[in-house]
């Protein structure tokens, strides 16, 4: 397996599959990953700044403590990604990003840190998102189904539609006026 430690990659365009590589403490800036596969690839403590991931096959990708900053991810099925261990999360931080048409299925993402981002047309199904931070996040057309959102922080988030009968929201934090979105599934009229 080819290894890179502390390397910096700038302006790279990846459109061919990457196989059997390990990246540790690496930084990717203005890189583009487009319609390719990351097979048997490890990202450990890496940062992606102003990068684009579009329709990338992530089966066999393993991650730990990854930062996504000012990046865009379109059509990614994150449920195919594996954590390197139980002690460290997949993501250290997601900030200033746009995630569109991303899938999160049966993932354990407690304390998931997403700030000042857009999660558009995404699906969270059967995920543990307890104690996650979703400050100033736009959730337009994103669904939450059978998720644990207990103690999650949705303050200043917008456009979320969370069915409280199919998701656990105990002690989650919300702010006005967006908290009214929790009433959508009740089929009531608010005047």
Protein backbone atom coordinates (compact mmCIF):
# COMPACT_ATOMS: atom_id res chain seq x y z
CA UNK A 1 0.00 0.00 0.00
CA UNK A 2 1.41 3.38 -1.02
CA UNK A 3 1.56 5.86 1.89
CA UNK A 4 1.64 9.64 2.13
CA UNK A 5 2.27 11.48 5.40
CA UNK A 6 2.00 15.23 5.86
CA UNK A 7 1.74 15.76 2.10
CA UNK A 8 -0.06 18.68 0.49
CA UNK A 9 -2.04 18.28 -2.74
CA UNK A 10 -3.24 21.40 -4.59
CA UNK A 11 -5.43 21.73 -7.66
CA UNK A 12 -5.36 18.01 -8.48
CA UNK A 13 -8.13 16.49 -10.63
CA UNK A 14 -8.83 12.84 -9.87
CA UNK A 15 -11.04 11.13 -12.43
CA UNK A 16 -9.42 7.68 -12.36
CA UNK A 17 -9.84 5.25 -9.48
CA UNK A 18 -7.46 5.48 -6.54
CA UNK A 19 -6.58 2.13 -4.96
CA UNK A 20 -4.57 0.94 -2.00
CA UNK A 21 -3.28 4.26 -0.67
CA UNK A 22 -3.00 5.65 2.81
CA UNK A 23 -3.00 9.37 3.54
CA UNK A 24 -2.09 10.56 7.03
CA UNK A 25 -2.08 14.21 8.14
CA UNK A 26 -2.45 15.29 4.48
CA UNK A 27 -4.08 18.44 3.16
CA UNK A 28 -6.00 18.60 -0.12
CA UNK A 29 -6.78 22.08 -1.50
CA UNK A 30 -8.91 22.87 -4.56
CA UNK A 31 -8.86 19.20 -5.61
CA UNK A 32 -11.60 17.55 -7.66
CA UNK A 33 -12.71 13.93 -7.27
CA UNK A 34 -15.14 13.18 -10.10
CA UNK A 35 -16.94 9.91 -10.94
CA UNK A 36 -14.20 7.68 -9.63
CA UNK A 37 -13.70 5.13 -6.85
CA UNK A 38 -11.67 5.27 -3.65
CA UNK A 39 -11.00 1.56 -3.06
CA UNK A 40 -8.96 0.40 -0.06
CA UNK A 41 -8.03 4.03 0.62
CA UNK A 42 -7.42 5.45 4.10
CA UNK A 43 -7.73 9.13 5.09
CA UNK A 44 -6.43 9.64 8.62
CA UNK A 45 -6.47 13.15 10.12
CA UNK A 46 -6.71 14.72 6.66
CA UNK A 47 -8.24 18.05 5.61
CA UNK A 48 -10.08 18.80 2.37
CA UNK A 49 -10.34 22.53 1.67
CA UNK A 50 -12.34 23.91 -1.26
CA UNK A 51 -12.54 20.43 -2.82
CA UNK A 52 -15.29 18.80 -4.87
CA UNK A 53 -16.44 15.19 -4.62
CA UNK A 54 -18.97 14.26 -7.31
CA UNK A 55 -20.49 10.76 -7.61
CA UNK A 56 -17.49 9.12 -5.97
CA UNK A 57 -17.75 5.41 -5.10
CA UNK A 58 -16.54 5.17 -1.50
CA UNK A 59 -16.94 1.41 -0.95
CA UNK A 60 -13.76 0.37 0.85
CA UNK A 61 -12.86 3.90 1.97
CA UNK A 62 -11.79 4.19 5.61
CA UNK A 63 -11.57 7.51 7.44
CA UNK A 64 -10.72 9.02 10.78
CA UNK A 65 -10.86 12.65 11.98
CA UNK A 66 -11.42 14.08 8.50
CA UNK A 67 -12.12 17.78 7.97
CA UNK A 68 -14.27 19.03 5.09
CA UNK A 69 -13.95 22.79 4.78
CA UNK A 70 -15.62 24.93 2.08
CA UNK A 71 -16.07 21.81 -0.03
CA UNK A 72 -18.89 20.27 -2.07
CA UNK A 73 -20.00 16.64 -2.02
CA UNK A 74 -22.62 15.47 -4.52
CA UNK A 75 -24.07 11.96 -4.69
CA UNK A 76 -21.98 10.35 -1.96
CA UNK A 77 -23.20 7.30 -0.02
CA UNK A 78 -21.34 7.86 3.26
CA UNK A 79 -22.81 4.66 4.72
CA UNK A 80 -20.21 2.76 2.67
CA UNK A 81 -17.33 4.46 4.52
CA UNK A 82 -15.81 2.67 7.52
CA UNK A 83 -14.25 4.22 10.60
CA UNK A 84 -10.70 3.21 11.46
CA UNK A 85 -11.57 2.65 15.09
CA UNK A 86 -14.16 3.30 17.75
CA UNK A 87 -12.26 6.05 19.55
CA UNK A 88 -12.13 8.61 16.74
CA UNK A 89 -15.00 9.87 14.57
CA UNK A 90 -15.12 9.82 10.78
CA UNK A 91 -15.34 13.61 10.71
CA UNK A 92 -13.55 16.12 12.89
CA UNK A 93 -15.51 18.97 11.30
CA UNK A 94 -17.67 19.88 8.32
CA UNK A 95 -17.75 23.67 7.92
CA UNK A 96 -18.88 25.91 5.06
CA UNK A 97 -19.71 22.91 2.85
CA UNK A 98 -22.50 21.92 0.49
CA UNK A 99 -23.58 18.29 0.61
CA UNK A 100 -26.22 17.45 -1.98
CA UNK A 101 -27.90 14.08 -2.56
CA UNK A 102 -25.77 12.42 0.11
CA UNK A 103 -26.89 9.29 1.93
CA UNK A 104 -26.25 8.43 5.57
CA UNK A 105 -27.73 4.99 6.43
CA UNK A 106 -27.32 3.20 9.77
CA UNK A 107 -24.31 5.34 10.67
CA UNK A 108 -23.00 6.02 14.13
CA UNK A 109 -22.23 9.73 14.05
CA UNK A 110 -22.66 10.98 17.62
CA UNK A 111 -21.37 14.53 18.06
CA UNK A 112 -21.38 14.96 14.25
CA UNK A 113 -19.96 18.50 13.76
CA UNK A 114 -21.63 20.30 10.83
CA UNK A 115 -21.57 24.10 10.95
CA UNK A 116 -22.49 26.88 8.48
CA UNK A 117 -23.21 24.36 5.72
CA UNK A 118 -25.93 23.19 3.35
CA UNK A 119 -27.22 19.62 3.48
CA UNK A 120 -29.59 19.58 0.53
CA UNK A 121 -31.72 16.61 -0.55
CA UNK A 122 -29.80 14.34 1.83
CA UNK A 123 -31.14 11.30 3.70
CA UNK A 124 -30.35 10.30 7.28
CA UNK A 125 -31.89 6.90 8.03
CA UNK A 126 -31.45 4.95 11.26
CA UNK A 127 -28.47 7.08 12.29
CA UNK A 128 -27.18 7.92 15.72
CA UNK A 129 -26.74 11.69 15.58
CA UNK A 130 -27.02 12.26 19.32
CA UNK A 131 -25.24 15.38 20.60
CA UNK A 132 -24.47 16.47 17.04
CA UNK A 133 -24.00 20.14 16.24
CA UNK A 134 -25.92 21.51 13.24
CA UNK A 135 -25.48 25.25 13.82
CA UNK A 136 -26.46 27.50 10.90
CA UNK A 137 -27.13 24.53 8.58
CA UNK A 138 -29.68 24.58 5.74
CA UNK A 139 -31.46 21.21 5.53
CA UNK A 140 -33.64 21.93 2.47
CA UNK A 141 -35.39 18.69 1.38
CA UNK A 142 -33.29 16.57 3.75
CA UNK A 143 -35.04 13.71 5.54
CA UNK A 144 -34.47 12.18 8.95
CA UNK A 145 -36.02 8.73 9.47
CA UNK A 146 -35.66 6.64 12.65
CA UNK A 147 -32.68 8.68 13.87
CA UNK A 148 -31.45 9.43 17.36
CA UNK A 149 -31.26 13.24 17.47
CA UNK A 150 -31.28 13.48 21.25
CA UNK A 151 -29.30 16.43 22.59
CA UNK A 152 -28.50 17.57 19.02
CA UNK A 153 -28.08 21.31 18.48
CA UNK A 154 -30.23 22.70 15.64
CA UNK A 155 -30.06 26.32 16.80
CA UNK A 156 -29.99 28.71 13.86
CA UNK A 157 -30.50 25.77 11.45
CA UNK A 158 -33.25 26.13 8.87
CA UNK A 159 -35.51 24.18 6.54
CA UNK A 160 -35.41 21.00 8.63
CA UNK A 161 -38.47 18.80 8.67
CA UNK A 162 -38.19 16.25 11.45
CA UNK A 163 -41.01 13.84 12.22
CA UNK A 164 -40.94 13.65 16.02
CA UNK A 165 -42.87 10.36 16.03
CA UNK A 166 -40.18 8.53 14.04
CA UNK A 167 -37.07 10.25 15.43
CA UNK A 168 -35.81 10.66 18.99
CA UNK A 169 -35.42 14.37 19.77
CA UNK A 170 -35.29 14.45 23.58
CA UNK A 171 -33.33 17.45 24.84
CA UNK A 172 -32.40 18.54 21.31
CA UNK A 173 -31.99 22.31 20.97
CA UNK A 174 -33.90 24.37 18.41
CA UNK A 175 -34.48 28.07 17.80
CA UNK A 176 -37.43 30.13 16.62
CA UNK A 177 -38.94 30.47 14.11
CA UNK A 178 -37.66 27.27 12.46
CA UNK A 179 -38.75 25.03 15.33
CA UNK A 180 -42.25 25.25 13.81
CA UNK A 181 -40.97 22.73 11.24
CA UNK A 182 -41.35 20.05 13.91
CA UNK A 183 -45.13 20.45 13.59
CA UNK A 184 -45.31 19.59 9.87
CA UNK A 185 -46.15 15.93 10.38
CA UNK A 186 -49.10 16.78 12.66
CA UNK A 187 -51.28 18.02 9.77
CA UNK A 188 -52.38 21.08 11.71
CA UNK A 189 -53.08 24.66 10.68
CA UNK A 190 -51.08 27.41 12.37
CA UNK A 191 -52.40 30.94 12.00
